[in-house]
Amino acid sequence: MSWKNLTVLLTGGTGSFGRRFAVTLLAEQPIKKLIVFSRDELKQHVMRLALDDSRLRYFIGDVRDKDRLQRAVQGVDIIVHAAALKQVPSCEYNPFEAVKTNIMGAANIIDVAIDAGVKKVMALSTDKAVNPINLYGATKLVAEKLFVQGNAYAGAEGTRLSCVRYGNVVGSRGSVIPVFQQQRANGKITITDERMTRFWITLDQGVRFVLKCTELMRGGEVFVPKIPSMSLVDLAEVIAPHCTRETVGIRPGEKLHEVLVSRDESRYTLEFDDMYLIQPVHPWWTVQEYPDARPMEDGSKYGSDTNPWWLSREELSQIIEE
């Protein structure tokens, strides 16, 4: 796939992922137009001042508003859907709002994309969607299912929809790094559980994975990158090596370890050298063959605690500095 002369719509375009995605896409691909779709006029103003590119357009709108989306997708070739409510406590306290944005917003994206003849839609998901124990994860699981099975509504030759699913993004909104850095000044940091592990990916790696998978997708896939795990204790030692640690217990809706591919999903997952590809369970459309892939071992999982790739404290320090 070539990006040349394509028009791209980016929902959630003023978030941390959206800003980096815009910078990378504009710098590296000869697209015709990039439409930034988001709710915050101030963030759009700041982004407009920072990025001087004639190919950029800005739409104030909410993915809950189907009429506004219908206007925004006119002439669009590709949608990258990054808009979401993602703070776990906020979603727990405002459950109806989480459903409206993360689930109904996803349904709106699918409907308007199919109606407007958009070629490809790539949606961002999260490890929280695997065996969810909080509302945020549950809404993202439903959104994943909608994007995968939404291909059945598009018909054999219509809009193709897929997802990428990855773990915690270094330094993104809600990251533990700023919390540890703030606590460091007081000489004590709080740890939920010293056994806790997480997948770790940089913002740039996430952007490039989305770009790559958008080019590869044929519809219905969930793409999962092979990324390193890190220990929460190691992260605390790197950020605040001379501080005391207080264990406060796992918060409501939080897991000890995260999973990116579950044991049940392994039965229809393909493994590549650098990623996993979860195939649709009910492919009512043409599914691509991947001769360079191998089946994932049945009954296995891709979890942050069983991951063979771990970040050392030196690597964590370098990533944080960057």
C-alpha atoms as a PDB file:
ATOM      1  CA  MET A   1       0.000   0.000   0.000  1.00  0.00           C
ATOM      2  CA  SER A   2       1.173   3.512  -0.809  1.00  0.00           C
ATOM      3  CA  TRP A   3       0.144   6.567   1.214  1.00  0.00           C
ATOM      4  CA  LYS A   4       0.648   8.847  -1.779  1.00  0.00           C
ATOM      5  CA  ASN A   5      -2.206  11.335  -2.292  1.00  0.00           C
ATOM      6  CA  LEU A   6      -4.372   9.690   0.393  1.00  0.00           C
ATOM      7  CA  THR A   7      -6.602  11.629   2.779  1.00  0.00           C
ATOM      8  CA  VAL A   8      -6.344  10.415   6.377  1.00  0.00           C
ATOM      9  CA  LEU A   9      -8.723  11.126   9.259  1.00  0.00           C
ATOM     10  CA  LEU A  10      -7.194  10.864  12.733  1.00  0.00           C
ATOM     11  CA  THR A  11      -9.632  10.765  15.666  1.00  0.00           C
ATOM     12  CA  GLY A  12      -8.223  11.770  19.019  1.00  0.00           C
ATOM     13  CA  GLY A  13      -5.671  13.642  16.957  1.00  0.00           C
ATOM     14  CA  THR A  14      -4.547  16.045  19.699  1.00  0.00           C
ATOM     15  CA  GLY A  15      -3.649  13.310  22.205  1.00  0.00           C
ATOM     16  CA  SER A  16      -0.104  12.101  22.814  1.00  0.00           C
ATOM     17  CA  PHE A  17      -0.394   9.367  20.177  1.00  0.00           C
ATOM     18  CA  GLY A  18      -2.210  11.638  17.733  1.00  0.00           C
ATOM     19  CA  ARG A  19       0.396  14.389  17.831  1.00  0.00           C
ATOM     20  CA  ARG A  20       3.279  11.974  17.289  1.00  0.00           C
ATOM     21  CA  PHE A  21       1.377  10.142  14.555  1.00  0.00           C
ATOM     22  CA  ALA A  22       0.722  13.422  12.737  1.00  0.00           C
ATOM     23  CA  VAL A  23       4.360  14.516  12.925  1.00  0.00           C
ATOM     24  CA  THR A  24       5.611  11.146  11.644  1.00  0.00           C
ATOM     25  CA  LEU A  25       3.033  10.753   8.868  1.00  0.00           C
ATOM     26  CA  LEU A  26       3.530  14.283   7.525  1.00  0.00           C
ATOM     27  CA  ALA A  27       7.316  13.979   7.620  1.00  0.00           C
ATOM     28  CA  GLU A  28       7.580  10.570   5.962  1.00  0.00           C
ATOM     29  CA  GLN A  29       4.599  10.039   3.674  1.00  0.00           C
ATOM     30  CA  PRO A  30       3.364  12.048   0.629  1.00  0.00           C
ATOM     31  CA  ILE A  31      -0.236  12.144   1.792  1.00  0.00           C
ATOM     32  CA  LYS A  32      -2.724  14.586   0.338  1.00  0.00           C
ATOM     33  CA  LYS A  33      -4.395  15.634   3.594  1.00  0.00           C
ATOM     34  CA  LEU A  34      -4.491  14.798   7.315  1.00  0.00           C
ATOM     35  CA  ILE A  35      -7.693  15.695   9.176  1.00  0.00           C
ATOM     36  CA  VAL A  36      -7.262  16.025  12.950  1.00  0.00           C
ATOM     37  CA  PHE A  37     -10.589  15.250  14.624  1.00  0.00           C
ATOM     38  CA  SER A  38     -10.911  16.025  18.351  1.00  0.00           C
ATOM     39  CA  ARG A  39     -13.019  17.823  20.955  1.00  0.00           C
ATOM     40  CA  ASP A  40     -10.496  20.304  22.387  1.00  0.00           C
ATOM     41  CA  GLU A  41     -10.165  23.595  20.514  1.00  0.00           C
ATOM     42  CA  LEU A  42      -7.236  24.744  22.698  1.00  0.00           C
ATOM     43  CA  LYS A  43      -5.207  21.616  21.935  1.00  0.00           C
ATOM     44  CA  GLN A  44      -5.984  22.040  18.243  1.00  0.00           C
ATOM     45  CA  HIS A  45      -4.795  25.665  18.445  1.00  0.00           C
ATOM     46  CA  VAL A  46      -1.535  24.608  20.126  1.00  0.00           C
ATOM     47  CA  MET A  47      -1.035  21.851  17.550  1.00  0.00           C
ATOM     48  CA  ARG A  48      -1.706  24.288  14.700  1.00  0.00           C
ATOM     49  CA  LEU A  49       1.015  26.617  16.013  1.00  0.00           C
ATOM     50  CA  ALA A  50       3.493  23.747  16.416  1.00  0.00           C
ATOM     51  CA  LEU A  51       2.877  22.063  13.054  1.00  0.00           C
ATOM     52  CA  ASP A  52       3.047  24.331  10.046  1.00  0.00           C
ATOM     53  CA  ASP A  53       1.889  22.098   7.208  1.00  0.00           C
ATOM     54  CA  SER A  54      -0.616  22.976   4.495  1.00  0.00           C
ATOM     55  CA  ARG A  55      -1.865  19.378   4.427  1.00  0.00           C
ATOM     56  CA  LEU A  56      -3.317  19.624   7.935  1.00  0.00           C
ATOM     57  CA  ARG A  57      -7.005  20.245   8.586  1.00  0.00           C
ATOM     58  CA  TYR A  58      -8.728  20.528  11.970  1.00  0.00           C
ATOM     59  CA  PHE A  59     -12.255  19.397  12.817  1.00  0.00           C
ATOM     60  CA  ILE A  60     -13.842  20.086  16.196  1.00  0.00           C
ATOM     61  CA  GLY A  61     -16.040  17.114  16.940  1.00  0.00           C
ATOM     62  CA  ASP A  62     -16.802  14.125  19.143  1.00  0.00           C
ATOM     63  CA  VAL A  63     -16.958  10.509  17.989  1.00  0.00           C
ATOM     64  CA  ARG A  64     -20.310  10.327  19.805  1.00  0.00           C
ATOM     65  CA  ASP A  65     -21.683  12.791  17.224  1.00  0.00           C
ATOM     66  CA  LYS A  66     -22.458  10.733  14.130  1.00  0.00           C
ATOM     67  CA  ASP A  67     -23.582  13.724  12.084  1.00  0.00           C
ATOM     68  CA  ARG A  68     -20.274  15.487  12.622  1.00  0.00           C
ATOM     69  CA  LEU A  69     -18.359  12.321  11.733  1.00  0.00           C
ATOM     70  CA  GLN A  70     -20.348  11.999   8.512  1.00  0.00           C
ATOM     71  CA  ARG A  71     -19.191  15.460   7.531  1.00  0.00           C
ATOM     72  CA  ALA A  72     -15.592  14.747   8.514  1.00  0.00           C
ATOM     73  CA  VAL A  73     -15.204  11.496   6.523  1.00  0.00           C
ATOM     74  CA  GLN A  74     -16.157  12.925   3.137  1.00  0.00           C
ATOM     75  CA  GLY A  75     -13.350  12.084   0.707  1.00  0.00           C
ATOM     76  CA  VAL A  76     -11.355  10.193   3.357  1.00  0.00           C
ATOM     77  CA  ASP A  77      -9.352   7.103   2.339  1.00  0.00           C
ATOM     78  CA  ILE A  78      -8.069   5.917   5.751  1.00  0.00           C
ATOM     79  CA  ILE A  79      -9.262   6.425   9.325  1.00  0.00           C
ATOM     80  CA  VAL A  80      -6.944   5.933  12.294  1.00  0.00           C
ATOM     81  CA  HIS A  81      -9.185   5.795  15.355  1.00  0.00           C
ATOM     82  CA  ALA A  82      -7.332   6.817  18.521  1.00  0.00           C
ATOM     83  CA  ALA A  83     -10.100   8.687  20.371  1.00  0.00           C
ATOM     84  CA  ALA A  84     -11.084   7.089  23.681  1.00  0.00           C
ATOM     85  CA  LEU A  85     -11.704   7.610  27.362  1.00  0.00           C
ATOM     86  CA  LYS A  86      -8.751   5.699  28.814  1.00  0.00           C
ATOM     87  CA  GLN A  87      -8.344   6.565  32.489  1.00  0.00           C
ATOM     88  CA  VAL A  88      -9.417   3.499  34.507  1.00  0.00           C
ATOM     89  CA  PRO A  89     -10.724   5.400  37.588  1.00  0.00           C
ATOM     90  CA  SER A  90     -12.505   7.956  35.405  1.00  0.00           C
ATOM     91  CA  CYS A  91     -14.263   5.225  33.414  1.00  0.00           C
ATOM     92  CA  GLU A  92     -15.281   3.436  36.632  1.00  0.00           C
ATOM     93  CA  TYR A  93     -16.787   6.632  38.051  1.00  0.00           C
ATOM     94  CA  ASN A  94     -18.397   7.681  34.756  1.00  0.00           C
ATOM     95  CA  PRO A  95     -19.438   4.349  33.206  1.00  0.00           C
ATOM     96  CA  PHE A  96     -22.121   5.681  30.865  1.00  0.00           C
ATOM     97  CA  GLU A  97     -19.655   8.206  29.448  1.00  0.00           C
ATOM     98  CA  ALA A  98     -17.082   5.454  28.816  1.00  0.00           C
ATOM     99  CA  VAL A  99     -19.675   3.395  26.950  1.00  0.00           C
ATOM    100  CA  LYS A 100     -20.785   6.382  24.860  1.00  0.00           C
ATOM    101  CA  THR A 101     -17.260   7.234  23.736  1.00  0.00           C
ATOM    102  CA  ASN A 102     -15.489   3.888  23.561  1.00  0.00           C
ATOM    103  CA  ILE A 103     -18.349   1.681  22.317  1.00  0.00           C
ATOM    104  CA  MET A 104     -20.925   3.909  20.664  1.00  0.00           C
ATOM    105  CA  GLY A 105     -18.144   6.077  19.246  1.00  0.00           C
ATOM    106  CA  ALA A 106     -16.602   2.959  17.690  1.00  0.00           C
ATOM    107  CA  ALA A 107     -19.965   1.979  16.175  1.00  0.00           C
ATOM    108  CA  ASN A 108     -20.315   5.487  14.723  1.00  0.00           C
ATOM    109  CA  ILE A 109     -16.856   5.286  13.137  1.00  0.00           C
ATOM    110  CA  ILE A 110     -17.721   1.941  11.535  1.00  0.00           C
ATOM    111  CA  ASP A 111     -21.078   3.128  10.211  1.00  0.00           C
ATOM    112  CA  VAL A 112     -19.835   6.376   8.676  1.00  0.00           C
ATOM    113  CA  ALA A 113     -16.736   4.700   7.226  1.00  0.00           C
ATOM    114  CA  ILE A 114     -18.801   2.065   5.428  1.00  0.00           C
ATOM    115  CA  ASP A 115     -21.356   4.613   4.206  1.00  0.00           C
ATOM    116  CA  ALA A 116     -18.637   6.957   2.889  1.00  0.00           C
ATOM    117  CA  GLY A 117     -16.611   4.202   1.209  1.00  0.00           C
ATOM    118  CA  VAL A 118     -13.499   4.672   3.352  1.00  0.00           C
ATOM    119  CA  LYS A 119     -10.924   2.082   2.270  1.00  0.00           C
ATOM    120  CA  LYS A 120      -9.336   1.199   5.625  1.00  0.00           C
ATOM    121  CA  VAL A 121     -10.014   1.822   9.307  1.00  0.00           C
ATOM    122  CA  MET A 122      -7.375   1.047  11.931  1.00  0.00           C
ATOM    123  CA  ALA A 123      -8.470   1.288  15.577  1.00  0.00           C
ATOM    124  CA  LEU A 124      -6.201   1.435  18.613  1.00  0.00           C
ATOM    125  CA  SER A 125      -6.843  -1.029  21.428  1.00  0.00           C
ATOM    126  CA  THR A 126      -5.069  -2.012  24.641  1.00  0.00           C
ATOM    127  CA  ASP A 127      -3.893  -4.971  26.706  1.00  0.00           C
ATOM    128  CA  LYS A 128      -6.675  -4.024  29.145  1.00  0.00           C
ATOM    129  CA  ALA A 129      -9.131  -5.486  26.595  1.00  0.00           C
ATOM    130  CA  VAL A 130      -7.827  -9.023  27.237  1.00  0.00           C
ATOM    131  CA  ASN A 131      -9.790 -10.741  30.032  1.00  0.00           C
ATOM    132  CA  PRO A 132     -10.941  -7.315  31.288  1.00  0.00           C
ATOM    133  CA  ILE A 133     -11.554  -6.666  34.976  1.00  0.00           C
ATOM    134  CA  ASN A 134     -12.378  -2.952  34.688  1.00  0.00           C
ATOM    135  CA  LEU A 135     -14.896  -0.998  32.640  1.00  0.00           C
ATOM    136  CA  TYR A 136     -12.255   0.626  30.439  1.00  0.00           C
ATOM    137  CA  GLY A 137     -10.960  -2.793  29.382  1.00  0.00           C
ATOM    138  CA  ALA A 138     -14.498  -4.064  28.851  1.00  0.00           C
ATOM    139  CA  THR A 139     -15.389  -1.146  26.580  1.00  0.00           C
ATOM    140  CA  LYS A 140     -12.218  -1.650  24.547  1.00  0.00           C
ATOM    141  CA  LEU A 141     -12.977  -5.376  24.219  1.00  0.00           C
ATOM    142  CA  VAL A 142     -16.418  -4.555  22.822  1.00  0.00           C
ATOM    143  CA  ALA A 143     -14.869  -1.966  20.500  1.00  0.00           C
ATOM    144  CA  GLU A 144     -12.408  -4.587  19.208  1.00  0.00           C
ATOM    145  CA  LYS A 145     -15.256  -6.998  18.476  1.00  0.00           C
ATOM    146  CA  LEU A 146     -17.164  -4.268  16.674  1.00  0.00           C
ATOM    147  CA  PHE A 147     -14.229  -3.397  14.427  1.00  0.00           C
ATOM    148  CA  VAL A 148     -13.458  -7.039  13.634  1.00  0.00           C
ATOM    149  CA  GLN A 149     -17.019  -8.132  12.915  1.00  0.00           C
ATOM    150  CA  GLY A 150     -17.853  -4.790  11.329  1.00  0.00           C
ATOM    151  CA  ASN A 151     -16.207  -6.180   8.216  1.00  0.00           C
ATOM    152  CA  ALA A 152     -19.305  -8.362   7.754  1.00  0.00           C
ATOM    153  CA  TYR A 153     -21.394  -5.187   7.368  1.00  0.00           C
ATOM    154  CA  ALA A 154     -19.001  -3.788   4.765  1.00  0.00           C
ATOM    155  CA  GLY A 155     -19.436  -6.666   2.319  1.00  0.00           C
ATOM    156  CA  ALA A 156     -16.822  -8.524   0.336  1.00  0.00           C
ATOM    157  CA  GLU A 157     -15.256  -5.511  -1.382  1.00  0.00           C
ATOM    158  CA  GLY A 158     -16.118  -2.697   1.002  1.00  0.00           C
ATOM    159  CA  THR A 159     -14.408  -0.923   3.881  1.00  0.00           C
ATOM    160  CA  ARG A 160     -11.831  -3.022   5.742  1.00  0.00           C
ATOM    161  CA  LEU A 161     -11.483  -2.640   9.523  1.00  0.00           C
ATOM    162  CA  SER A 162      -8.745  -3.887  11.879  1.00  0.00           C
ATOM    163  CA  CYS A 163      -7.187  -3.170  15.286  1.00  0.00           C
ATOM    164  CA  VAL A 164      -3.791  -2.851  16.871  1.00  0.00           C
ATOM    165  CA  ARG A 165      -3.420  -3.882  20.517  1.00  0.00           C
ATOM    166  CA  TYR A 166      -0.408  -2.969  22.634  1.00  0.00           C
ATOM    167  CA  GLY A 167       0.618  -2.201  26.222  1.00  0.00           C
ATOM    168  CA  ASN A 168       1.573   0.801  28.318  1.00  0.00           C
ATOM    169  CA  VAL A 169       3.083   3.730  26.435  1.00  0.00           C
ATOM    170  CA  VAL A 170       6.117   5.329  28.069  1.00  0.00           C
ATOM    171  CA  GLY A 171       5.277   8.803  29.356  1.00  0.00           C
ATOM    172  CA  SER A 172       1.751   8.923  27.927  1.00  0.00           C
ATOM    173  CA  ARG A 173      -1.228  10.396  29.753  1.00  0.00           C
ATOM    174  CA  GLY A 174      -1.795   8.273  32.863  1.00  0.00           C
ATOM    175  CA  SER A 175       1.723   6.787  32.852  1.00  0.00           C
ATOM    176  CA  VAL A 176       3.286   5.960  36.229  1.00  0.00           C
ATOM    177  CA  ILE A 177       6.546   7.720  35.292  1.00  0.00           C
ATOM    178  CA  PRO A 178       5.352  11.286  36.051  1.00  0.00           C
ATOM    179  CA  VAL A 179       3.866  10.027  39.334  1.00  0.00           C
ATOM    180  CA  PHE A 180       7.191   8.508  40.443  1.00  0.00           C
ATOM    181  CA  GLN A 181       9.060  11.623  39.366  1.00  0.00           C
ATOM    182  CA  GLN A 182       6.728  13.833  41.392  1.00  0.00           C
ATOM    183  CA  GLN A 183       6.926  11.597  44.458  1.00  0.00           C
ATOM    184  CA  ARG A 184      10.726  11.498  44.235  1.00  0.00           C
ATOM    185  CA  ALA A 185      10.947  15.061  45.568  1.00  0.00           C
ATOM    186  CA  ASN A 186       9.375  13.905  48.846  1.00  0.00           C
ATOM    187  CA  GLY A 187      11.789  11.006  49.291  1.00  0.00           C
ATOM    188  CA  LYS A 188       9.101   8.290  49.200  1.00  0.00           C
ATOM    189  CA  ILE A 189       7.275   6.599  46.345  1.00  0.00           C
ATOM    190  CA  THR A 190       4.251   4.333  46.461  1.00  0.00           C
ATOM    191  CA  ILE A 191       4.202   0.891  44.830  1.00  0.00           C
ATOM    192  CA  THR A 192       0.965  -0.992  44.363  1.00  0.00           C
ATOM    193  CA  ASP A 193       2.597  -4.447  44.385  1.00  0.00           C
ATOM    194  CA  GLU A 194       6.273  -5.376  44.036  1.00  0.00           C
ATOM    195  CA  ARG A 195       5.393  -8.374  41.844  1.00  0.00           C
ATOM    196  CA  MET A 196       3.688  -6.189  39.232  1.00  0.00           C
ATOM    197  CA  THR A 197       4.854  -6.327  35.598  1.00  0.00           C
ATOM    198  CA  ARG A 198       3.809  -4.419  32.511  1.00  0.00           C
ATOM    199  CA  PHE A 199       4.399  -4.402  28.771  1.00  0.00           C
ATOM    200  CA  TRP A 200       6.279  -1.299  27.681  1.00  0.00           C
ATOM    201  CA  ILE A 201       6.330   0.507  24.343  1.00  0.00           C
ATOM    202  CA  THR A 202       7.540   3.952  23.336  1.00  0.00           C
ATOM    203  CA  LEU A 203       5.282   6.440  21.595  1.00  0.00           C
ATOM    204  CA  ASP A 204       7.375   6.294  18.435  1.00  0.00           C
ATOM    205  CA  GLN A 205       7.243   2.471  18.366  1.00  0.00           C
ATOM    206  CA  GLY A 206       3.464   2.587  18.750  1.00  0.00           C
ATOM    207  CA  VAL A 207       3.090   5.063  15.881  1.00  0.00           C
ATOM    208  CA  ARG A 208       5.296   3.055  13.552  1.00  0.00           C
ATOM    209  CA  PHE A 209       3.490  -0.162  14.416  1.00  0.00           C
ATOM    210  CA  VAL A 210       0.153   1.451  13.525  1.00  0.00           C
ATOM    211  CA  LEU A 211       1.561   2.720  10.224  1.00  0.00           C
ATOM    212  CA  LYS A 212       2.992  -0.693   9.366  1.00  0.00           C
ATOM    213  CA  CYS A 213      -0.178  -2.612  10.249  1.00  0.00           C
ATOM    214  CA  THR A 214      -2.384  -0.175   8.343  1.00  0.00           C
ATOM    215  CA  GLU A 215      -0.364  -1.036   5.257  1.00  0.00           C
ATOM    216  CA  LEU A 216      -0.552  -4.811   5.963  1.00  0.00           C
ATOM    217  CA  MET A 217      -4.188  -5.133   7.048  1.00  0.00           C
ATOM    218  CA  ARG A 218      -6.766  -6.956   4.974  1.00  0.00           C
ATOM    219  CA  GLY A 219      -9.647  -6.673   7.441  1.00  0.00           C
ATOM    220  CA  GLY A 220     -10.540  -8.381  10.720  1.00  0.00           C
ATOM    221  CA  GLU A 221      -7.049  -8.760  12.162  1.00  0.00           C
ATOM    222  CA  VAL A 222      -5.901  -7.709  15.617  1.00  0.00           C
ATOM    223  CA  PHE A 223      -2.191  -6.920  15.424  1.00  0.00           C
ATOM    224  CA  VAL A 224      -0.037  -7.294  18.553  1.00  0.00           C
ATOM    225  CA  PRO A 225       3.617  -6.196  18.596  1.00  0.00           C
ATOM    226  CA  LYS A 226       6.329  -8.167  20.359  1.00  0.00           C
ATOM    227  CA  ILE A 227       7.456  -5.682  22.991  1.00  0.00           C
ATOM    228  CA  PRO A 228       9.458  -5.940  26.211  1.00  0.00           C
ATOM    229  CA  SER A 229       8.166  -6.322  29.752  1.00  0.00           C
ATOM    230  CA  MET A 230       9.387  -4.367  32.743  1.00  0.00           C
ATOM    231  CA  SER A 231       9.153  -4.759  36.494  1.00  0.00           C
ATOM    232  CA  LEU A 232       7.514  -1.980  38.478  1.00  0.00           C
ATOM    233  CA  VAL A 233      10.239  -2.304  41.113  1.00  0.00           C
ATOM    234  CA  ASP A 234      12.956  -1.883  38.475  1.00  0.00           C
ATOM    235  CA  LEU A 235      11.201   1.235  37.169  1.00  0.00           C
ATOM    236  CA  ALA A 236      10.995   2.671  40.674  1.00  0.00           C
ATOM    237  CA  GLU A 237      14.690   1.974  41.264  1.00  0.00           C
ATOM    238  CA  VAL A 238      15.642   3.733  38.037  1.00  0.00           C
ATOM    239  CA  ILE A 239      13.531   6.837  38.686  1.00  0.00           C
ATOM    240  CA  ALA A 240      14.037   7.134  42.455  1.00  0.00           C
ATOM    241  CA  PRO A 241      16.980   4.944  43.527  1.00  0.00           C
ATOM    242  CA  HIS A 242      17.483   6.620  46.910  1.00  0.00           C
ATOM    243  CA  CYS A 243      13.833   6.874  47.923  1.00  0.00           C
ATOM    244  CA  THR A 244      11.970   4.632  50.307  1.00  0.00           C
ATOM    245  CA  ARG A 245       9.115   2.559  48.889  1.00  0.00           C
ATOM    246  CA  GLU A 246       5.691   2.040  50.390  1.00  0.00           C
ATOM    247  CA  THR A 247       3.500  -0.807  49.134  1.00  0.00           C
ATOM    248  CA  VAL A 248      -0.110   0.380  49.036  1.00  0.00           C
ATOM    249  CA  GLY A 249      -1.843  -2.573  47.348  1.00  0.00           C
ATOM    250  CA  ILE A 250      -3.346  -3.118  43.917  1.00  0.00           C
ATOM    251  CA  ARG A 251      -5.956  -0.522  43.037  1.00  0.00           C
ATOM    252  CA  PRO A 252      -9.525  -1.477  42.026  1.00  0.00           C
ATOM    253  CA  GLY A 253      -9.648  -2.531  38.389  1.00  0.00           C
ATOM    254  CA  GLU A 254      -5.896  -3.188  38.200  1.00  0.00           C
ATOM    255  CA  LYS A 255      -4.139  -6.449  37.335  1.00  0.00           C
ATOM    256  CA  LEU A 256      -0.892  -7.872  38.681  1.00  0.00           C
ATOM    257  CA  HIS A 257       0.221  -8.754  35.139  1.00  0.00           C
ATOM    258  CA  GLU A 258      -1.138  -7.870  31.711  1.00  0.00           C
ATOM    259  CA  VAL A 259      -1.834 -10.162  28.746  1.00  0.00           C
ATOM    260  CA  LEU A 260      -1.697  -9.189  25.057  1.00  0.00           C
ATOM    261  CA  VAL A 261      -2.736 -12.559  23.591  1.00  0.00           C
ATOM    262  CA  SER A 262      -4.852 -14.861  25.757  1.00  0.00           C
ATOM    263  CA  ARG A 263      -4.700 -18.661  25.873  1.00  0.00           C
ATOM    264  CA  ASP A 264      -8.052 -18.924  24.098  1.00  0.00           C
ATOM    265  CA  GLU A 265      -6.936 -16.516  21.371  1.00  0.00           C
ATOM    266  CA  SER A 266      -3.760 -18.535  20.759  1.00  0.00           C
ATOM    267  CA  ARG A 267      -5.746 -21.124  18.782  1.00  0.00           C
ATOM    268  CA  TYR A 268      -6.312 -18.693  15.926  1.00  0.00           C
ATOM    269  CA  THR A 269      -3.216 -16.519  16.296  1.00  0.00           C
ATOM    270  CA  LEU A 270      -0.274 -16.407  13.889  1.00  0.00           C
ATOM    271  CA  GLU A 271       3.220 -15.582  15.079  1.00  0.00           C
ATOM    272  CA  PHE A 272       5.755 -13.523  13.152  1.00  0.00           C
ATOM    273  CA  ASP A 273       9.270 -12.584  14.187  1.00  0.00           C
ATOM    274  CA  ASP A 274       8.154  -9.153  15.397  1.00  0.00           C
ATOM    275  CA  MET A 275       4.427  -9.503  16.117  1.00  0.00           C
ATOM    276  CA  TYR A 276       1.356 -11.683  16.581  1.00  0.00           C
ATOM    277  CA  LEU A 277      -1.692 -11.576  14.324  1.00  0.00           C
ATOM    278  CA  ILE A 278      -5.011 -12.618  15.867  1.00  0.00           C
ATOM    279  CA  GLN A 279      -7.259 -13.798  13.063  1.00  0.00           C
ATOM    280  CA  PRO A 280     -11.044 -13.266  13.093  1.00  0.00           C
ATOM    281  CA  VAL A 281     -12.990 -16.156  14.594  1.00  0.00           C
ATOM    282  CA  HIS A 282     -15.879 -15.753  12.125  1.00  0.00           C
ATOM    283  CA  PRO A 283     -14.332 -14.499   8.866  1.00  0.00           C
ATOM    284  CA  TRP A 284     -17.298 -13.868   6.609  1.00  0.00           C
ATOM    285  CA  TRP A 285     -14.944 -12.085   4.227  1.00  0.00           C
ATOM    286  CA  THR A 286     -11.727 -13.020   2.425  1.00  0.00           C
ATOM    287  CA  VAL A 287      -8.881 -13.654   4.892  1.00  0.00           C
ATOM    288  CA  GLN A 288      -5.291 -13.108   3.789  1.00  0.00           C
ATOM    289  CA  GLU A 289      -2.805 -15.987   3.767  1.00  0.00           C
ATOM    290  CA  TYR A 290       0.547 -15.356   5.482  1.00  0.00           C
ATOM    291  CA  PRO A 291       3.119 -17.910   4.288  1.00  0.00           C
ATOM    292  CA  ASP A 292       5.887 -16.445   6.473  1.00  0.00           C
ATOM    293  CA  ALA A 293       3.862 -16.889   9.695  1.00  0.00           C
ATOM    294  CA  ARG A 294       3.618 -19.847  12.042  1.00  0.00           C
ATOM    295  CA  PRO A 295       0.726 -20.822  14.322  1.00  0.00           C
ATOM    296  CA  MET A 296       1.066 -19.716  17.924  1.00  0.00           C
ATOM    297  CA  GLU A 297       1.367 -22.644  20.295  1.00  0.00           C
ATOM    298  CA  ASP A 298      -2.130 -23.757  21.293  1.00  0.00           C
ATOM    299  CA  GLY A 299      -2.906 -22.940  24.920  1.00  0.00           C
ATOM    300  CA  SER A 300      -0.034 -20.525  25.323  1.00  0.00           C
ATOM    301  CA  LYS A 301      -0.358 -16.844  26.185  1.00  0.00           C
ATOM    302  CA  TYR A 302       1.614 -13.665  25.625  1.00  0.00           C
ATOM    303  CA  GLY A 303       1.755 -12.150  29.101  1.00  0.00           C
ATOM    304  CA  SER A 304       3.920  -9.508  30.716  1.00  0.00           C
ATOM    305  CA  ASP A 305       5.066 -12.009  33.378  1.00  0.00           C
ATOM    306  CA  THR A 306       5.949 -14.841  30.943  1.00  0.00           C
ATOM    307  CA  ASN A 307       7.445 -12.637  28.238  1.00  0.00           C
ATOM    308  CA  PRO A 308      10.996 -13.761  27.300  1.00  0.00           C
ATOM    309  CA  TRP A 309      11.992 -10.139  26.545  1.00  0.00           C
ATOM    310  CA  TRP A 310      12.674  -7.965  29.609  1.00  0.00           C
ATOM    311  CA  LEU A 311      14.018  -4.442  29.912  1.00  0.00           C
ATOM    312  CA  SER A 312      17.071  -4.084  32.120  1.00  0.00           C
ATOM    313  CA  ARG A 313      17.376  -1.133  34.491  1.00  0.00           C
ATOM    314  CA  GLU A 314      19.938   0.382  32.133  1.00  0.00           C
ATOM    315  CA  GLU A 315      17.519   0.124  29.203  1.00  0.00           C
ATOM    316  CA  LEU A 316      14.697   1.598  31.279  1.00  0.00           C
ATOM    317  CA  SER A 317      16.945   4.509  32.250  1.00  0.00           C
ATOM    318  CA  GLN A 318      17.820   5.194  28.621  1.00  0.00           C
ATOM    319  CA  ILE A 319      14.167   5.096  27.515  1.00  0.00           C
ATOM    320  CA  ILE A 320      13.096   7.475  30.281  1.00  0.00           C
ATOM    321  CA  GLU A 321      15.885   9.904  29.438  1.00  0.00           C
ATOM    322  CA  GLU A 322      14.836   9.919  25.777  1.00  0.00           C
END
